[in-house]
Amino acid sequence: MPKLKSFVHVSTAYANCLQNPIEEKFYDPPMDADKFIDLMDSIDE
């Protein structure tokens, strides 16, 4: 989008609920996003 000014992803305050305190920063996910998507594509439901 050549006109893009802002993109907001709505997450949840509890996305990193294993952490405490929860700061306004990134935390390590339970699995790398790309590997997770590949796993979902390759495994029987």
PDB file of all heavy atoms in Angstrom:
ATOM      1  N   MET A   1       0.844  -1.197   0.000  1.00  0.00           N
ATOM      2  CA  MET A   1       0.000   0.000   0.000  1.00  0.00           C
ATOM      3  C   MET A   1       0.881   1.250   0.000  1.00  0.00           C
ATOM      4  O   MET A   1       1.512   1.572   1.020  1.00  0.00           O
ATOM      5  CB  MET A   1      -0.914   0.009   1.231  1.00  0.00           C
ATOM      6  CG  MET A   1      -1.884  -1.148   1.291  1.00  0.00           C
ATOM      7  SD  MET A   1      -2.813  -1.178   2.865  1.00  0.00           S
ATOM      8  CE  MET A   1      -3.876  -2.604   2.601  1.00  0.00           C
ATOM      9  N   PRO A   2       0.936   1.982  -1.085  1.00  0.00           N
ATOM     10  CA  PRO A   2       1.813   3.164  -1.155  1.00  0.00           C
ATOM     11  C   PRO A   2       1.394   4.286  -0.218  1.00  0.00           C
ATOM     12  O   PRO A   2       2.216   5.127   0.150  1.00  0.00           O
ATOM     13  CB  PRO A   2       1.711   3.592  -2.624  1.00  0.00           C
ATOM     14  CG  PRO A   2       0.410   3.040  -3.107  1.00  0.00           C
ATOM     15  CD  PRO A   2       0.210   1.761  -2.364  1.00  0.00           C
ATOM     16  N   LYS A   3       0.115   4.304   0.183  1.00  0.00           N
ATOM     17  CA  LYS A   3      -0.384   5.386   1.037  1.00  0.00           C
ATOM     18  C   LYS A   3      -0.348   5.033   2.530  1.00  0.00           C
ATOM     19  O   LYS A   3      -0.787   5.838   3.357  1.00  0.00           O
ATOM     20  CB  LYS A   3      -1.834   5.725   0.662  1.00  0.00           C
ATOM     21  CG  LYS A   3      -2.039   6.214  -0.751  1.00  0.00           C
ATOM     22  CD  LYS A   3      -3.514   6.484  -0.994  1.00  0.00           C
ATOM     23  CE  LYS A   3      -3.781   6.939  -2.417  1.00  0.00           C
ATOM     24  NZ  LYS A   3      -5.244   7.167  -2.640  1.00  0.00           N
ATOM     25  N   LEU A   4       0.148   3.863   2.876  1.00  0.00           N
ATOM     26  CA  LEU A   4       0.042   3.384   4.261  1.00  0.00           C
ATOM     27  C   LEU A   4       0.670   4.361   5.255  1.00  0.00           C
ATOM     28  O   LEU A   4       1.843   4.713   5.147  1.00  0.00           O
ATOM     29  CB  LEU A   4       0.710   2.014   4.394  1.00  0.00           C
ATOM     30  CG  LEU A   4       0.534   1.348   5.770  1.00  0.00           C
ATOM     31  CD1 LEU A   4      -0.920   0.933   5.980  1.00  0.00           C
ATOM     32  CD2 LEU A   4       1.455   0.146   5.922  1.00  0.00           C
ATOM     33  N   LYS A   5      -0.150   4.768   6.236  1.00  0.00           N
ATOM     34  CA  LYS A   5       0.308   5.671   7.292  1.00  0.00           C
ATOM     35  C   LYS A   5       0.404   4.969   8.648  1.00  0.00           C
ATOM     36  O   LYS A   5       1.195   5.365   9.511  1.00  0.00           O
ATOM     37  CB  LYS A   5      -0.671   6.843   7.434  1.00  0.00           C
ATOM     38  CG  LYS A   5      -0.750   7.747   6.235  1.00  0.00           C
ATOM     39  CD  LYS A   5      -1.949   8.680   6.310  1.00  0.00           C
ATOM     40  CE  LYS A   5      -1.942   9.559   7.534  1.00  0.00           C
ATOM     41  NZ  LYS A   5      -3.075  10.505   7.550  1.00  0.00           N
ATOM     42  N   SER A   6      -0.438   3.934   8.843  1.00  0.00           N
ATOM     43  CA  SER A   6      -0.468   3.288  10.151  1.00  0.00           C
ATOM     44  C   SER A   6      -1.119   1.916  10.047  1.00  0.00           C
ATOM     45  O   SER A   6      -2.110   1.740   9.335  1.00  0.00           O
ATOM     46  CB  SER A   6      -1.243   4.156  11.154  1.00  0.00           C
ATOM     47  OG  SER A   6      -1.192   3.606  12.449  1.00  0.00           O
ATOM     48  N   PHE A   7      -0.534   0.956  10.769  1.00  0.00           N
ATOM     49  CA  PHE A   7      -1.081  -0.399  10.859  1.00  0.00           C
ATOM     50  C   PHE A   7      -1.105  -0.754  12.350  1.00  0.00           C
ATOM     51  O   PHE A   7      -0.079  -0.719  13.010  1.00  0.00           O
ATOM     52  CB  PHE A   7      -0.188  -1.377  10.093  1.00  0.00           C
ATOM     53  CG  PHE A   7      -0.693  -2.810  10.039  1.00  0.00           C
ATOM     54  CD1 PHE A   7      -1.045  -3.392   8.832  1.00  0.00           C
ATOM     55  CD2 PHE A   7      -0.814  -3.580  11.196  1.00  0.00           C
ATOM     56  CE1 PHE A   7      -1.490  -4.711   8.766  1.00  0.00           C
ATOM     57  CE2 PHE A   7      -1.271  -4.891  11.149  1.00  0.00           C
ATOM     58  CZ  PHE A   7      -1.609  -5.458   9.935  1.00  0.00           C
ATOM     59  N   VAL A   8      -2.287  -1.105  12.856  1.00  0.00           N
ATOM     60  CA  VAL A   8      -2.413  -1.473  14.264  1.00  0.00           C
ATOM     61  C   VAL A   8      -2.845  -2.927  14.366  1.00  0.00           C
ATOM     62  O   VAL A   8      -3.892  -3.310  13.828  1.00  0.00           O
ATOM     63  CB  VAL A   8      -3.434  -0.593  15.009  1.00  0.00           C
ATOM     64  CG1 VAL A   8      -3.357  -0.870  16.516  1.00  0.00           C
ATOM     65  CG2 VAL A   8      -3.199   0.877  14.743  1.00  0.00           C
ATOM     66  N   HIS A   9      -2.028  -3.721  15.042  1.00  0.00           N
ATOM     67  CA  HIS A   9      -2.405  -5.106  15.336  1.00  0.00           C
ATOM     68  C   HIS A   9      -2.964  -5.162  16.747  1.00  0.00           C
ATOM     69  O   HIS A   9      -2.300  -4.759  17.705  1.00  0.00           O
ATOM     70  CB  HIS A   9      -1.202  -6.032  15.219  1.00  0.00           C
ATOM     71  CG  HIS A   9      -1.432  -7.387  15.841  1.00  0.00           C
ATOM     72  ND1 HIS A   9      -2.479  -8.207  15.462  1.00  0.00           N
ATOM     73  CD2 HIS A   9      -0.770  -8.056  16.839  1.00  0.00           C
ATOM     74  CE1 HIS A   9      -2.440  -9.326  16.180  1.00  0.00           C
ATOM     75  NE2 HIS A   9      -1.422  -9.249  17.022  1.00  0.00           N
ATOM     76  N   VAL A  10      -4.198  -5.648  16.881  1.00  0.00           N
ATOM     77  CA  VAL A  10      -4.823  -5.765  18.191  1.00  0.00           C
ATOM     78  C   VAL A  10      -4.465  -7.114  18.790  1.00  0.00           C
ATOM     79  O   VAL A  10      -4.901  -8.164  18.315  1.00  0.00           O
ATOM     80  CB  VAL A  10      -6.355  -5.602  18.104  1.00  0.00           C
ATOM     81  CG1 VAL A  10      -6.976  -5.746  19.490  1.00  0.00           C
ATOM     82  CG2 VAL A  10      -6.709  -4.247  17.509  1.00  0.00           C
ATOM     83  N   SER A  11      -3.655  -7.087  19.824  1.00  0.00           N
ATOM     84  CA  SER A  11      -3.260  -8.293  20.537  1.00  0.00           C
ATOM     85  C   SER A  11      -4.086  -8.380  21.823  1.00  0.00           C
ATOM     86  O   SER A  11      -5.258  -8.034  21.826  1.00  0.00           O
ATOM     87  CB  SER A  11      -1.754  -8.235  20.837  1.00  0.00           C
ATOM     88  OG  SER A  11      -1.309  -9.420  21.459  1.00  0.00           O
ATOM     89  N   THR A  12      -3.508  -8.812  22.900  1.00  0.00           N
ATOM     90  CA  THR A  12      -4.171  -8.844  24.206  1.00  0.00           C
ATOM     91  C   THR A  12      -3.117  -8.647  25.273  1.00  0.00           C
ATOM     92  O   THR A  12      -1.957  -9.046  25.104  1.00  0.00           O
ATOM     93  CB  THR A  12      -4.916 -10.173  24.438  1.00  0.00           C
ATOM     94  OG1 THR A  12      -5.324 -10.252  25.814  1.00  0.00           O
ATOM     95  CG2 THR A  12      -4.031 -11.369  24.140  1.00  0.00           C
ATOM     96  N   ALA A  13      -3.506  -8.032  26.382  1.00  0.00           N
ATOM     97  CA  ALA A  13      -2.569  -7.817  27.486  1.00  0.00           C
ATOM     98  C   ALA A  13      -2.049  -9.140  28.041  1.00  0.00           C
ATOM     99  O   ALA A  13      -1.011  -9.176  28.702  1.00  0.00           O
ATOM    100  CB  ALA A  13      -3.248  -7.006  28.589  1.00  0.00           C
ATOM    101  N   TYR A  14      -2.774 -10.234  27.754  1.00  0.00           N
ATOM    102  CA  TYR A  14      -2.410 -11.543  28.303  1.00  0.00           C
ATOM    103  C   TYR A  14      -1.670 -12.424  27.297  1.00  0.00           C
ATOM    104  O   TYR A  14      -1.497 -13.619  27.533  1.00  0.00           O
ATOM    105  CB  TYR A  14      -3.670 -12.257  28.805  1.00  0.00           C
ATOM    106  CG  TYR A  14      -4.357 -11.481  29.905  1.00  0.00           C
ATOM    107  CD1 TYR A  14      -5.356 -10.558  29.611  1.00  0.00           C
ATOM    108  CD2 TYR A  14      -3.977 -11.637  31.235  1.00  0.00           C
ATOM    109  CE1 TYR A  14      -5.966  -9.819  30.613  1.00  0.00           C
ATOM    110  CE2 TYR A  14      -4.579 -10.905  32.245  1.00  0.00           C
ATOM    111  CZ  TYR A  14      -5.576  -9.997  31.926  1.00  0.00           C
ATOM    112  OH  TYR A  14      -6.173  -9.257  32.926  1.00  0.00           O
ATOM    113  N   ALA A  15      -1.226 -11.830  26.179  1.00  0.00           N
ATOM    114  CA  ALA A  15      -0.516 -12.614  25.164  1.00  0.00           C
ATOM    115  C   ALA A  15       0.784 -13.203  25.716  1.00  0.00           C
ATOM    116  O   ALA A  15       1.269 -14.212  25.212  1.00  0.00           O
ATOM    117  CB  ALA A  15      -0.222 -11.751  23.941  1.00  0.00           C
ATOM    118  N   ASN A  16       1.328 -12.569  26.738  1.00  0.00           N
ATOM    119  CA  ASN A  16       2.571 -13.045  27.338  1.00  0.00           C
ATOM    120  C   ASN A  16       2.343 -13.361  28.817  1.00  0.00           C
ATOM    121  O   ASN A  16       3.107 -12.954  29.688  1.00  0.00           O
ATOM    122  CB  ASN A  16       3.661 -11.989  27.168  1.00  0.00           C
ATOM    123  CG  ASN A  16       3.885 -11.627  25.716  1.00  0.00           C
ATOM    124  OD1 ASN A  16       4.500 -12.372  24.962  1.00  0.00           O
ATOM    125  ND2 ASN A  16       3.365 -10.482  25.304  1.00  0.00           N
ATOM    126  N   CYS A  17       1.272 -14.118  29.069  1.00  0.00           N
ATOM    127  CA  CYS A  17       0.814 -14.339  30.441  1.00  0.00           C
ATOM    128  C   CYS A  17       1.778 -15.156  31.291  1.00  0.00           C
ATOM    129  O   CYS A  17       1.608 -15.231  32.517  1.00  0.00           O
ATOM    130  CB  CYS A  17      -0.571 -14.983  30.439  1.00  0.00           C
ATOM    131  SG  CYS A  17      -0.636 -16.584  29.593  1.00  0.00           S
ATOM    132  N   LEU A  18       2.783 -15.780  30.678  1.00  0.00           N
ATOM    133  CA  LEU A  18       3.770 -16.501  31.474  1.00  0.00           C
ATOM    134  C   LEU A  18       4.771 -15.542  32.107  1.00  0.00           C
ATOM    135  O   LEU A  18       5.558 -15.951  32.969  1.00  0.00           O
ATOM    136  CB  LEU A  18       4.515 -17.525  30.605  1.00  0.00           C
ATOM    137  CG  LEU A  18       3.672 -18.626  29.947  1.00  0.00           C
ATOM    138  CD1 LEU A  18       4.580 -19.664  29.304  1.00  0.00           C
ATOM    139  CD2 LEU A  18       2.738 -19.289  30.937  1.00  0.00           C
ATOM    140  N   GLN A  19       4.742 -14.280  31.664  1.00  0.00           N
ATOM    141  CA  GLN A  19       5.635 -13.270  32.212  1.00  0.00           C
ATOM    142  C   GLN A  19       4.931 -12.483  33.315  1.00  0.00           C
ATOM    143  O   GLN A  19       3.716 -12.331  33.295  1.00  0.00           O
ATOM    144  CB  GLN A  19       6.081 -12.295  31.109  1.00  0.00           C
ATOM    145  CG  GLN A  19       6.642 -12.950  29.873  1.00  0.00           C
ATOM    146  CD  GLN A  19       7.953 -13.649  30.124  1.00  0.00           C
ATOM    147  OE1 GLN A  19       8.740 -13.225  30.970  1.00  0.00           O
ATOM    148  NE2 GLN A  19       8.197 -14.731  29.391  1.00  0.00           N
ATOM    149  N   ASN A  20       5.700 -11.984  34.258  1.00  0.00           N
ATOM    150  CA  ASN A  20       5.155 -11.115  35.293  1.00  0.00           C
ATOM    151  C   ASN A  20       6.317 -10.403  35.971  1.00  0.00           C
ATOM    152  O   ASN A  20       7.147 -11.074  36.588  1.00  0.00           O
ATOM    153  CB  ASN A  20       4.356 -11.916  36.326  1.00  0.00           C
ATOM    154  CG  ASN A  20       3.311 -11.084  37.036  1.00  0.00           C
ATOM    155  OD1 ASN A  20       3.175  -9.892  36.775  1.00  0.00           O
ATOM    156  ND2 ASN A  20       2.575 -11.708  37.937  1.00  0.00           N
ATOM    157  N   PRO A  21       6.427  -9.086  35.809  1.00  0.00           N
ATOM    158  CA  PRO A  21       5.480  -8.161  35.179  1.00  0.00           C
ATOM    159  C   PRO A  21       5.474  -8.291  33.648  1.00  0.00           C
ATOM    160  O   PRO A  21       6.370  -8.902  33.059  1.00  0.00           O
ATOM    161  CB  PRO A  21       6.019  -6.790  35.605  1.00  0.00           C
ATOM    162  CG  PRO A  21       7.491  -7.008  35.773  1.00  0.00           C
ATOM    163  CD  PRO A  21       7.623  -8.391  36.345  1.00  0.00           C
ATOM    164  N   ILE A  22       4.454  -7.680  33.045  1.00  0.00           N
ATOM    165  CA  ILE A  22       4.345  -7.654  31.587  1.00  0.00           C
ATOM    166  C   ILE A  22       4.577  -6.221  31.123  1.00  0.00           C
ATOM    167  O   ILE A  22       3.778  -5.329  31.402  1.00  0.00           O
ATOM    168  CB  ILE A  22       2.968  -8.169  31.114  1.00  0.00           C
ATOM    169  CG1 ILE A  22       2.775  -9.628  31.530  1.00  0.00           C
ATOM    170  CG2 ILE A  22       2.840  -8.021  29.599  1.00  0.00           C
ATOM    171  CD1 ILE A  22       1.411 -10.199  31.193  1.00  0.00           C
ATOM    172  N   GLU A  23       5.682  -6.005  30.436  1.00  0.00           N
ATOM    173  CA  GLU A  23       6.052  -4.671  29.980  1.00  0.00           C
ATOM    174  C   GLU A  23       5.625  -4.462  28.530  1.00  0.00           C
ATOM    175  O   GLU A  23       5.227  -5.399  27.842  1.00  0.00           O
ATOM    176  CB  GLU A  23       7.563  -4.475  30.136  1.00  0.00           C
ATOM    177  CG  GLU A  23       8.062  -4.674  31.557  1.00  0.00           C
ATOM    178  CD  GLU A  23       9.569  -4.539  31.656  1.00  0.00           C
ATOM    179  OE1 GLU A  23      10.133  -3.618  31.012  1.00  0.00           O
ATOM    180  OE2 GLU A  23      10.185  -5.369  32.352  1.00  0.00           O
ATOM    181  N   GLU A  24       5.766  -3.214  28.083  1.00  0.00           N
ATOM    182  CA  GLU A  24       5.401  -2.876  26.705  1.00  0.00           C
ATOM    183  C   GLU A  24       6.592  -3.169  25.784  1.00  0.00           C
ATOM    184  O   GLU A  24       7.210  -2.288  25.215  1.00  0.00           O
ATOM    185  CB  GLU A  24       4.996  -1.399  26.627  1.00  0.00           C
ATOM    186  CG  GLU A  24       3.704  -1.114  27.380  1.00  0.00           C
ATOM    187  CD  GLU A  24       3.438   0.366  27.539  1.00  0.00           C
ATOM    188  OE1 GLU A  24       4.312   1.068  28.073  1.00  0.00           O
ATOM    189  OE2 GLU A  24       2.353   0.833  27.143  1.00  0.00           O
ATOM    190  N   LYS A  25       6.872  -4.456  25.657  1.00  0.00           N
ATOM    191  CA  LYS A  25       7.985  -4.895  24.827  1.00  0.00           C
ATOM    192  C   LYS A  25       7.696  -6.294  24.302  1.00  0.00           C
ATOM    193  O   LYS A  25       6.737  -6.950  24.724  1.00  0.00           O
ATOM    194  CB  LYS A  25       9.278  -4.901  25.642  1.00  0.00           C
ATOM    195  CG  LYS A  25       9.318  -5.949  26.740  1.00  0.00           C
ATOM    196  CD  LYS A  25      10.655  -5.937  27.476  1.00  0.00           C
ATOM    197  CE  LYS A  25      10.754  -7.094  28.476  1.00  0.00           C
ATOM    198  NZ  LYS A  25      12.054  -7.098  29.184  1.00  0.00           N
ATOM    199  N   PHE A  26       8.525  -6.753  23.371  1.00  0.00           N
ATOM    200  CA  PHE A  26       8.377  -8.101  22.837  1.00  0.00           C
ATOM    201  C   PHE A  26       8.944  -9.126  23.809  1.00  0.00           C
ATOM    202  O   PHE A  26       9.924  -8.871  24.514  1.00  0.00           O
ATOM    203  CB  PHE A  26       9.105  -8.228  21.497  1.00  0.00           C
ATOM    204  CG  PHE A  26       8.418  -7.552  20.349  1.00  0.00           C
ATOM    205  CD1 PHE A  26       8.885  -6.340  19.862  1.00  0.00           C
ATOM    206  CD2 PHE A  26       7.300  -8.118  19.760  1.00  0.00           C
ATOM    207  CE1 PHE A  26       8.254  -5.710  18.804  1.00  0.00           C
ATOM    208  CE2 PHE A  26       6.655  -7.508  18.698  1.00  0.00           C
ATOM    209  CZ  PHE A  26       7.133  -6.299  18.227  1.00  0.00           C
ATOM    210  N   TYR A  27       8.307 -10.292  23.826  1.00  0.00           N
ATOM    211  CA  TYR A  27       8.810 -11.429  24.594  1.00  0.00           C
ATOM    212  C   TYR A  27       8.993 -12.606  23.640  1.00  0.00           C
ATOM    213  O   TYR A  27       8.390 -12.645  22.566  1.00  0.00           O
ATOM    214  CB  TYR A  27       7.831 -11.809  25.708  1.00  0.00           C
ATOM    215  CG  TYR A  27       7.759 -10.793  26.824  1.00  0.00           C
ATOM    216  CD1 TYR A  27       6.790  -9.790  26.817  1.00  0.00           C
ATOM    217  CD2 TYR A  27       8.658 -10.827  27.886  1.00  0.00           C
ATOM    218  CE1 TYR A  27       6.718  -8.857  27.841  1.00  0.00           C
ATOM    219  CE2 TYR A  27       8.597  -9.907  28.916  1.00  0.00           C
ATOM    220  CZ  TYR A  27       7.623  -8.913  28.882  1.00  0.00           C
ATOM    221  OH  TYR A  27       7.561  -7.989  29.894  1.00  0.00           O
ATOM    222  N   ASP A  28       9.809 -13.551  24.061  1.00  0.00           N
ATOM    223  CA  ASP A  28       9.996 -14.740  23.233  1.00  0.00           C
ATOM    224  C   ASP A  28       8.694 -15.535  23.161  1.00  0.00           C
ATOM    225  O   ASP A  28       8.068 -15.807  24.196  1.00  0.00           O
ATOM    226  CB  ASP A  28      11.099 -15.625  23.821  1.00  0.00           C
ATOM    227  CG  ASP A  28      12.473 -14.988  23.710  1.00  0.00           C
ATOM    228  OD1 ASP A  28      12.662 -14.150  22.805  1.00  0.00           O
ATOM    229  OD2 ASP A  28      13.351 -15.318  24.542  1.00  0.00           O
ATOM    230  N   PRO A  29       8.262 -15.915  21.957  1.00  0.00           N
ATOM    231  CA  PRO A  29       7.026 -16.682  21.802  1.00  0.00           C
ATOM    232  C   PRO A  29       7.264 -18.153  22.124  1.00  0.00           C
ATOM    233  O   PRO A  29       8.414 -18.600  22.203  1.00  0.00           O
ATOM    234  CB  PRO A  29       6.688 -16.494  20.328  1.00  0.00           C
ATOM    235  CG  PRO A  29       8.026 -16.382  19.671  1.00  0.00           C
ATOM    236  CD  PRO A  29       8.914 -15.643  20.652  1.00  0.00           C
ATOM    237  N   PRO A  30       6.210 -18.939  22.287  1.00  0.00           N
ATOM    238  CA  PRO A  30       6.392 -20.377  22.529  1.00  0.00           C
ATOM    239  C   PRO A  30       7.012 -21.099  21.349  1.00  0.00           C
ATOM    240  O   PRO A  30       7.613 -22.162  21.500  1.00  0.00           O
ATOM    241  CB  PRO A  30       4.972 -20.876  22.804  1.00  0.00           C
ATOM    242  CG  PRO A  30       4.064 -19.845  22.205  1.00  0.00           C
ATOM    243  CD  PRO A  30       4.795 -18.542  22.345  1.00  0.00           C
ATOM    244  N   MET A  31       6.874 -20.514  20.141  1.00  0.00           N
ATOM    245  CA  MET A  31       7.477 -21.094  18.936  1.00  0.00           C
ATOM    246  C   MET A  31       7.650 -19.981  17.910  1.00  0.00           C
ATOM    247  O   MET A  31       6.838 -19.047  17.862  1.00  0.00           O
ATOM    248  CB  MET A  31       6.578 -22.210  18.360  1.00  0.00           C
ATOM    249  CG  MET A  31       7.178 -22.934  17.159  1.00  0.00           C
ATOM    250  SD  MET A  31       6.057 -24.182  16.432  1.00  0.00           S
ATOM    251  CE  MET A  31       5.933 -25.334  17.794  1.00  0.00           C
ATOM    252  N   ASP A  32       8.706 -20.067  17.132  1.00  0.00           N
ATOM    253  CA  ASP A  32       8.917 -19.104  16.054  1.00  0.00           C
ATOM    254  C   ASP A  32       7.701 -19.097  15.120  1.00  0.00           C
ATOM    255  O   ASP A  32       7.172 -20.154  14.762  1.00  0.00           O
ATOM    256  CB  ASP A  32      10.171 -19.473  15.275  1.00  0.00           C
ATOM    257  CG  ASP A  32      10.373 -18.587  14.062  1.00  0.00           C
ATOM    258  OD1 ASP A  32      10.885 -17.474  14.211  1.00  0.00           O
ATOM    259  OD2 ASP A  32       9.976 -19.025  12.952  1.00  0.00           O
ATOM    260  N   ALA A  33       7.254 -17.907  14.726  1.00  0.00           N
ATOM    261  CA  ALA A  33       6.023 -17.767  13.945  1.00  0.00           C
ATOM    262  C   ALA A  33       6.062 -18.546  12.633  1.00  0.00           C
ATOM    263  O   ALA A  33       5.103 -19.251  12.280  1.00  0.00           O
ATOM    264  CB  ALA A  33       5.742 -16.295  13.680  1.00  0.00           C
ATOM    265  N   ASP A  34       7.141 -18.439  11.888  1.00  0.00           N
ATOM    266  CA  ASP A  34       7.230 -19.118  10.591  1.00  0.00           C
ATOM    267  C   ASP A  34       7.275 -20.633  10.760  1.00  0.00           C
ATOM    268  O   ASP A  34       6.646 -21.377   9.991  1.00  0.00           O
ATOM    269  CB  ASP A  34       8.454 -18.636   9.823  1.00  0.00           C
ATOM    270  CG  ASP A  34       8.327 -17.180   9.412  1.00  0.00           C
ATOM    271  OD1 ASP A  34       7.182 -16.734   9.198  1.00  0.00           O
ATOM    272  OD2 ASP A  34       9.354 -16.490   9.317  1.00  0.00           O
ATOM    273  N   LYS A  35       8.015 -21.103  11.754  1.00  0.00           N
ATOM    274  CA  LYS A  35       8.065 -22.538  12.008  1.00  0.00           C
ATOM    275  C   LYS A  35       6.694 -23.049  12.445  1.00  0.00           C
ATOM    276  O   LYS A  35       6.283 -24.163  12.076  1.00  0.00           O
ATOM    277  CB  LYS A  35       9.108 -22.846  13.084  1.00  0.00           C
ATOM    278  CG  LYS A  35      10.534 -22.620  12.634  1.00  0.00           C
ATOM    279  CD  LYS A  35      11.521 -22.954  13.749  1.00  0.00           C
ATOM    280  CE  LYS A  35      12.959 -22.714  13.283  1.00  0.00           C
ATOM    281  NZ  LYS A  35      13.935 -22.993  14.387  1.00  0.00           N
ATOM    282  N   PHE A  36       5.986 -22.220  13.209  1.00  0.00           N
ATOM    283  CA  PHE A  36       4.652 -22.604  13.661  1.00  0.00           C
ATOM    284  C   PHE A  36       3.694 -22.738  12.483  1.00  0.00           C
ATOM    285  O   PHE A  36       2.938 -23.712  12.378  1.00  0.00           O
ATOM    286  CB  PHE A  36       4.132 -21.560  14.655  1.00  0.00           C
ATOM    287  CG  PHE A  36       2.737 -21.811  15.149  1.00  0.00           C
ATOM    288  CD1 PHE A  36       2.465 -22.874  15.997  1.00  0.00           C
ATOM    289  CD2 PHE A  36       1.685 -20.979  14.773  1.00  0.00           C
ATOM    290  CE1 PHE A  36       1.175 -23.103  16.466  1.00  0.00           C
ATOM    291  CE2 PHE A  36       0.396 -21.201  15.223  1.00  0.00           C
ATOM    292  CZ  PHE A  36       0.142 -22.269  16.078  1.00  0.00           C
ATOM    293  N   ILE A  37       3.735 -21.787  11.565  1.00  0.00           N
ATOM    294  CA  ILE A  37       2.863 -21.840  10.388  1.00  0.00           C
ATOM    295  C   ILE A  37       3.205 -23.050   9.525  1.00  0.00           C
ATOM    296  O   ILE A  37       2.313 -23.753   9.022  1.00  0.00           O
ATOM    297  CB  ILE A  37       2.974 -20.533   9.578  1.00  0.00           C
ATOM    298  CG1 ILE A  37       2.371 -19.367  10.382  1.00  0.00           C
ATOM    299  CG2 ILE A  37       2.265 -20.668   8.228  1.00  0.00           C
ATOM    300  CD1 ILE A  37       2.569 -18.007   9.749  1.00  0.00           C
ATOM    301  N   ASP A  38       4.499 -23.319   9.356  1.00  0.00           N
ATOM    302  CA  ASP A  38       4.918 -24.501   8.584  1.00  0.00           C
ATOM    303  C   ASP A  38       4.420 -25.790   9.237  1.00  0.00           C
ATOM    304  O   ASP A  38       3.984 -26.731   8.552  1.00  0.00           O
ATOM    305  CB  ASP A  38       6.445 -24.545   8.474  1.00  0.00           C
ATOM    306  CG  ASP A  38       6.991 -23.458   7.559  1.00  0.00           C
ATOM    307  OD1 ASP A  38       6.205 -22.920   6.749  1.00  0.00           O
ATOM    308  OD2 ASP A  38       8.196 -23.147   7.676  1.00  0.00           O
ATOM    309  N   LEU A  39       4.477 -25.840  10.556  1.00  0.00           N
ATOM    310  CA  LEU A  39       3.992 -27.019  11.281  1.00  0.00           C
ATOM    311  C   LEU A  39       2.500 -27.211  11.059  1.00  0.00           C
ATOM    312  O   LEU A  39       2.026 -28.329  10.827  1.00  0.00           O
ATOM    313  CB  LEU A  39       4.296 -26.880  12.769  1.00  0.00           C
ATOM    314  CG  LEU A  39       3.779 -28.014  13.670  1.00  0.00           C
ATOM    315  CD1 LEU A  39       4.468 -29.328  13.320  1.00  0.00           C
ATOM    316  CD2 LEU A  39       3.984 -27.661  15.147  1.00  0.00           C
ATOM    317  N   MET A  40       1.741 -26.122  11.116  1.00  0.00           N
ATOM    318  CA  MET A  40       0.294 -26.198  10.919  1.00  0.00           C
ATOM    319  C   MET A  40      -0.043 -26.698   9.512  1.00  0.00           C
ATOM    320  O   MET A  40      -1.039 -27.397   9.307  1.00  0.00           O
ATOM    321  CB  MET A  40      -0.353 -24.823  11.144  1.00  0.00           C
ATOM    322  CG  MET A  40      -0.243 -24.285  12.561  1.00  0.00           C
ATOM    323  SD  MET A  40      -1.031 -25.320  13.825  1.00  0.00           S
ATOM    324  CE  MET A  40       0.410 -26.082  14.571  1.00  0.00           C
ATOM    325  N   ASP A  41       0.802 -26.350   8.540  1.00  0.00           N
ATOM    326  CA  ASP A  41       0.559 -26.752   7.152  1.00  0.00           C
ATOM    327  C   ASP A  41       0.925 -28.212   6.902  1.00  0.00           C
ATOM    328  O   ASP A  41       0.399 -28.844   5.978  1.00  0.00           O
ATOM    329  CB  ASP A  41       1.363 -25.866   6.191  1.00  0.00           C
ATOM    330  CG  ASP A  41       0.817 -24.457   6.128  1.00  0.00           C
ATOM    331  OD1 ASP A  41      -0.357 -24.261   6.488  1.00  0.00           O
ATOM    332  OD2 ASP A  41       1.576 -23.544   5.745  1.00  0.00           O
ATOM    333  N   SER A  42       1.835 -28.744   7.696  1.00  0.00           N
ATOM    334  CA  SER A  42       2.392 -30.068   7.389  1.00  0.00           C
ATOM    335  C   SER A  42       1.806 -31.202   8.216  1.00  0.00           C
ATOM    336  O   SER A  42       2.114 -32.367   7.960  1.00  0.00           O
ATOM    337  CB  SER A  42       3.908 -30.039   7.602  1.00  0.00           C
ATOM    338  OG  SER A  42       4.209 -29.739   8.961  1.00  0.00           O
ATOM    339  N   ILE A  43       0.956 -30.885   9.167  1.00  0.00           N
ATOM    340  CA  ILE A  43       0.474 -31.922  10.064  1.00  0.00           C
ATOM    341  C   ILE A  43      -1.025 -32.140   9.894  1.00  0.00           C
ATOM    342  O   ILE A  43      -1.783 -31.186   9.632  1.00  0.00           O
ATOM    343  CB  ILE A  43       0.809 -31.558  11.539  1.00  0.00           C
ATOM    344  CG1 ILE A  43       0.632 -32.756  12.456  1.00  0.00           C
ATOM    345  CG2 ILE A  43      -0.038 -30.392  12.018  1.00  0.00           C
ATOM    346  CD1 ILE A  43       1.205 -32.539  13.847  1.00  0.00           C
ATOM    347  N   ASP A  44      -1.455 -33.391   9.995  1.00  0.00           N
ATOM    348  CA  ASP A  44      -2.871 -33.735   9.900  1.00  0.00           C
ATOM    349  C   ASP A  44      -3.634 -33.097  11.065  1.00  0.00           C
ATOM    350  O   ASP A  44      -3.152 -33.066  12.201  1.00  0.00           O
ATOM    351  CB  ASP A  44      -3.025 -35.257   9.952  1.00  0.00           C
ATOM    352  CG  ASP A  44      -4.479 -35.684   9.959  1.00  0.00           C
ATOM    353  OD1 ASP A  44      -5.133 -35.603   8.908  1.00  0.00           O
ATOM    354  OD2 ASP A  44      -4.961 -36.070  11.047  1.00  0.00           O
ATOM    355  N   GLU A  45      -4.840 -32.595  10.762  1.00  0.00           N
ATOM    356  CA  GLU A  45      -5.584 -31.856  11.786  1.00  0.00           C
ATOM    357  C   GLU A  45      -5.959 -32.724  12.989  1.00  0.00           C
ATOM    358  O   GLU A  45      -5.917 -32.270  14.135  1.00  0.00           O
ATOM    359  CB  GLU A  45      -6.851 -31.241  11.178  1.00  0.00           C
ATOM    360  CG  GLU A  45      -7.551 -30.269  12.123  1.00  0.00           C
ATOM    361  CD  GLU A  45      -8.600 -29.416  11.437  1.00  0.00           C
ATOM    362  OE1 GLU A  45      -8.654 -29.419  10.193  1.00  0.00           O
ATOM    363  OE2 GLU A  45      -9.362 -28.754  12.153  1.00  0.00           O
TER     364      GLU A  45
END
